[in-house]
Amino acid sequence: MMSATPIAGEPADRLGGDIVGETDPILAQIDRLIRLSRLREIEFIMSTDAGERVHEITAALQRLHPGEYLLGTGPSTVGIVPLHAHEVVLGRPPTVLEGPTEFVADYCAVDTLYFVPREVSRMHAKVVRQANHVSVRHVLIDLDSTCGTFVNGTPVDPHGNAVILRHGDVISLGPSQTSTYIFYQVAQNGAQKPDERGTSGAAWVRRSEM
């Protein structure tokens, strides 16, 4: 996992005591562009009105058909993931530092800021849809990821119980809350489904019961 490097007070072309770009100037240019693009993205978000941002989110969500979704809320996960399939695997593509794999995630986070993995594993977690003639539920399973999967800040045991997802649950691929999703449900009438958790927090289910 990469460690974050403060930007404030950092020389433009110096990281970790070594002069970046001394041999190849394009290396320093890559680093500057990565940092500048992130700062400009934050600047753009903070320069817009909060009401305008909420209006844009609302307009998009009102177009969703009834069902369940993951709403990507992190810089590496932004987008809307429909949960109509029996299983949806979350992860990332392999990097050039890794060998090929026969398994590919259904939806990939772009977690390789400096071309190397940060927190998201190639096969990180999956959401399983369970339906019968009465109801539908979705459960989250960690696929033995390197940095872990979290629901509302609570780690998911890769060898223990799965988590029953409820409307509004926050899923984080890794502990930093950077690669995040919100579990979102749209009822048949187009309204949000109510949060049925009350004050009890996350619900768990034994894998033997799945």
Protein backbone atom coordinates (compact mmCIF):
# COMPACT_ATOMS: atom_id res chain seq x y z
CA MET A 1 0.00 0.00 0.00
CA MET A 2 1.28 3.48 -0.84
CA SER A 3 1.76 5.99 1.96
CA ALA A 4 0.37 9.47 1.43
CA THR A 5 2.89 12.31 1.00
CA PRO A 6 1.96 15.83 2.18
CA ILE A 7 1.82 18.45 -0.53
CA ALA A 8 2.23 21.53 1.61
CA GLY A 9 5.86 22.68 1.68
CA GLU A 10 7.02 19.89 -0.60
CA PRO A 11 9.54 20.86 -3.30
CA ALA A 12 7.97 20.57 -6.74
CA ASP A 13 10.31 17.84 -7.98
CA ARG A 14 11.46 16.15 -4.78
CA LEU A 15 9.88 13.09 -3.16
CA GLY A 16 11.44 10.85 -0.51
CA GLY A 17 14.73 12.71 -0.67
CA ASP A 18 15.34 11.88 -4.34
CA ILE A 19 15.06 14.39 -7.17
CA VAL A 20 12.28 13.12 -9.42
CA GLY A 21 12.96 13.71 -13.07
CA GLU A 22 16.74 14.10 -12.69
CA THR A 23 17.14 11.29 -15.21
CA ASP A 24 13.80 11.61 -17.00
CA PRO A 25 11.93 14.93 -16.61
CA ILE A 26 8.65 13.32 -17.57
CA LEU A 27 8.55 11.59 -14.17
CA ALA A 28 8.31 14.93 -12.40
CA GLN A 29 5.71 16.06 -14.91
CA ILE A 30 3.59 12.97 -14.21
CA ASP A 31 3.74 13.61 -10.46
CA ARG A 32 2.83 17.30 -10.86
CA LEU A 33 -0.09 16.54 -13.15
CA ILE A 34 -1.50 13.90 -10.80
CA ARG A 35 -1.35 16.24 -7.80
CA LEU A 36 -2.64 19.25 -9.73
CA SER A 37 -5.60 17.35 -11.19
CA ARG A 38 -6.70 16.22 -7.72
CA LEU A 39 -6.38 19.71 -6.28
CA ARG A 40 -8.38 21.18 -9.17
CA GLU A 41 -11.09 18.58 -8.68
CA ILE A 42 -11.42 19.56 -5.01
CA GLU A 43 -11.38 23.24 -5.98
CA PHE A 44 -14.20 22.67 -8.46
CA ILE A 45 -16.34 20.82 -5.91
CA MET A 46 -15.83 23.46 -3.22
CA SER A 47 -16.55 26.31 -5.64
CA THR A 48 -20.04 25.03 -6.45
CA ASP A 49 -23.11 25.60 -4.30
CA ALA A 50 -24.13 22.71 -2.01
CA GLY A 51 -27.73 23.07 -3.14
CA GLU A 52 -26.66 22.78 -6.77
CA ARG A 53 -24.67 19.63 -6.04
CA VAL A 54 -27.62 18.02 -4.25
CA HIS A 55 -29.91 19.02 -7.13
CA GLU A 56 -27.66 17.23 -9.64
CA ILE A 57 -27.54 14.11 -7.47
CA THR A 58 -31.33 14.15 -7.09
CA ALA A 59 -31.88 14.54 -10.83
CA ALA A 60 -29.75 11.47 -11.52
CA LEU A 61 -31.32 9.31 -8.83
CA GLN A 62 -34.83 10.15 -9.99
CA ARG A 63 -34.04 8.44 -13.30
CA LEU A 64 -33.31 5.10 -11.64
CA HIS A 65 -35.70 2.20 -12.09
CA PRO A 66 -36.96 0.33 -9.00
CA GLY A 67 -34.29 -1.89 -7.53
CA GLU A 68 -31.00 -1.79 -5.69
CA TYR A 69 -27.81 0.09 -6.58
CA LEU A 70 -24.38 1.00 -5.35
CA LEU A 71 -23.71 4.73 -5.63
CA GLY A 72 -20.00 5.37 -6.00
CA THR A 73 -18.99 8.25 -3.75
CA GLY A 74 -15.19 8.11 -3.87
CA PRO A 75 -12.79 9.50 -6.48
CA SER A 76 -12.02 5.95 -7.62
CA THR A 77 -15.57 4.59 -7.48
CA VAL A 78 -17.75 7.40 -8.79
CA GLY A 79 -20.73 6.13 -10.79
CA ILE A 80 -23.88 4.06 -10.34
CA VAL A 81 -23.69 0.25 -10.17
CA PRO A 82 -26.95 -1.67 -10.70
CA LEU A 83 -27.35 -4.78 -8.54
CA HIS A 84 -29.65 -6.78 -10.78
CA ALA A 85 -27.32 -9.76 -11.27
CA HIS A 86 -27.03 -12.63 -8.81
CA GLU A 87 -23.48 -11.54 -7.90
CA VAL A 88 -21.59 -8.30 -8.47
CA VAL A 89 -17.86 -8.41 -7.77
CA LEU A 90 -16.05 -5.19 -6.84
CA GLY A 91 -12.32 -4.79 -7.41
CA ARG A 92 -9.83 -3.22 -9.77
CA PRO A 93 -7.86 -4.11 -12.91
CA PRO A 94 -4.41 -5.69 -12.52
CA THR A 95 -1.47 -3.29 -12.72
CA VAL A 96 1.65 -3.72 -14.83
CA LEU A 97 3.42 -4.89 -11.65
CA GLU A 98 1.06 -7.86 -11.32
CA GLY A 99 0.60 -10.99 -13.33
CA PRO A 100 -2.57 -11.71 -15.31
CA THR A 101 -5.54 -13.30 -13.60
CA GLU A 102 -8.37 -15.42 -14.92
CA PHE A 103 -10.86 -13.58 -12.72
CA VAL A 104 -12.05 -10.06 -13.51
CA ALA A 105 -14.21 -7.85 -11.29
CA ASP A 106 -17.59 -6.77 -12.61
CA TYR A 107 -17.00 -3.16 -11.53
CA CYS A 108 -13.52 -1.77 -11.06
CA ALA A 109 -12.34 1.08 -8.88
CA VAL A 110 -9.49 3.15 -10.32
CA ASP A 111 -7.39 2.83 -7.17
CA THR A 112 -3.94 3.02 -8.80
CA LEU A 113 -3.14 6.69 -8.28
CA TYR A 114 0.58 6.28 -9.04
CA PHE A 115 0.09 3.18 -11.19
CA VAL A 116 0.38 0.87 -8.16
CA PRO A 117 -2.39 -0.48 -5.88
CA ARG A 118 -3.40 1.55 -2.87
CA GLU A 119 -6.19 -0.23 -0.93
CA VAL A 120 -8.42 -2.05 -3.41
CA SER A 121 -7.68 -5.67 -4.29
CA ARG A 122 -8.31 -7.07 -7.76
CA MET A 123 -11.14 -9.22 -6.37
CA HIS A 124 -12.06 -7.24 -3.27
CA ALA A 125 -15.70 -7.90 -2.31
CA LYS A 126 -18.97 -9.06 -3.79
CA VAL A 127 -22.64 -8.27 -3.37
CA VAL A 128 -24.93 -11.29 -3.62
CA ARG A 129 -28.62 -10.92 -4.48
CA GLN A 130 -30.92 -13.33 -2.66
CA ALA A 131 -34.56 -13.47 -3.72
CA ASN A 132 -37.61 -15.57 -2.97
CA HIS A 133 -41.33 -15.17 -3.61
CA VAL A 134 -41.61 -12.79 -0.65
CA SER A 135 -38.61 -10.48 -0.64
CA VAL A 136 -35.17 -9.61 -1.97
CA ARG A 137 -32.05 -8.91 0.05
CA HIS A 138 -28.43 -8.19 -0.77
CA VAL A 139 -25.48 -9.37 1.30
CA LEU A 140 -21.88 -8.19 1.19
CA ILE A 141 -18.95 -10.61 1.37
CA ASP A 142 -15.27 -9.69 1.63
CA LEU A 143 -13.19 -11.79 -0.78
CA ASP A 144 -10.18 -12.02 1.53
CA SER A 145 -9.00 -8.59 0.38
CA THR A 146 -5.63 -7.21 1.48
CA CYS A 147 -6.93 -4.06 3.20
CA GLY A 148 -10.40 -5.21 4.18
CA THR A 149 -14.00 -4.22 3.49
CA PHE A 150 -16.01 -2.03 5.85
CA VAL A 151 -19.72 -1.33 6.29
CA ASN A 152 -20.48 1.85 8.23
CA GLY A 153 -16.93 1.69 9.60
CA THR A 154 -17.22 -1.91 10.82
CA PRO A 155 -14.86 -4.45 9.20
CA VAL A 156 -16.36 -7.41 7.37
CA ASP A 157 -14.78 -10.71 8.40
CA PRO A 158 -13.75 -12.51 5.17
CA HIS A 159 -14.10 -15.86 6.94
CA GLY A 160 -17.13 -14.98 9.05
CA ASN A 161 -20.67 -13.79 8.55
CA ALA A 162 -21.82 -11.83 5.53
CA VAL A 163 -23.46 -8.43 6.01
CA ILE A 164 -27.09 -7.83 5.04
CA LEU A 165 -27.12 -4.46 3.31
CA ARG A 166 -29.69 -1.82 4.21
CA HIS A 167 -30.64 1.38 2.45
CA GLY A 168 -27.99 4.01 3.20
CA ASP A 169 -25.20 1.65 4.28
CA VAL A 170 -21.72 2.97 3.46
CA ILE A 171 -19.33 0.41 1.98
CA SER A 172 -15.60 1.15 1.96
CA LEU A 173 -13.02 -0.89 0.07
CA GLY A 174 -10.17 -0.32 2.49
CA PRO A 175 -10.02 1.54 5.82
CA SER A 176 -9.40 5.08 4.57
CA GLN A 177 -12.99 5.64 3.34
CA THR A 178 -11.61 6.69 -0.04
CA SER A 179 -13.10 4.00 -2.30
CA THR A 180 -16.69 4.12 -1.07
CA TYR A 181 -20.21 3.19 -2.15
CA ILE A 182 -23.66 3.81 -0.69
CA PHE A 183 -26.21 1.00 -0.92
CA TYR A 184 -29.32 2.62 -2.38
CA GLN A 185 -32.81 1.18 -2.90
CA VAL A 186 -35.61 2.53 -5.09
CA ALA A 187 -39.11 1.26 -4.33
CA GLN A 188 -41.74 0.39 -6.95
CA ASN A 189 -43.32 3.83 -6.63
CA GLY A 190 -39.96 5.48 -7.31
CA ALA A 191 -39.43 6.58 -3.72
CA GLN A 192 -36.49 5.70 -1.53
CA LYS A 193 -37.02 2.64 0.59
CA PRO A 194 -37.06 3.46 4.31
CA ASP A 195 -34.08 2.58 6.47
CA GLU A 196 -35.23 -0.47 8.42
CA ARG A 197 -32.16 -0.72 10.64
CA GLY A 198 -33.46 1.55 13.39
CA THR A 199 -30.56 1.98 15.79
CA SER A 200 -29.27 -1.57 15.62
CA GLY A 201 -26.61 -0.96 12.97
CA ALA A 202 -25.48 -3.55 10.43
CA ALA A 203 -27.21 -6.92 10.20
CA TRP A 204 -25.23 -10.13 9.73
CA VAL A 205 -26.07 -13.53 8.28
CA ARG A 206 -24.19 -16.81 8.52
CA ARG A 207 -22.85 -18.04 5.20
CA SER A 208 -24.45 -21.41 5.88
CA GLU A 209 -27.83 -19.65 5.74
CA MET A 210 -27.20 -18.12 2.33
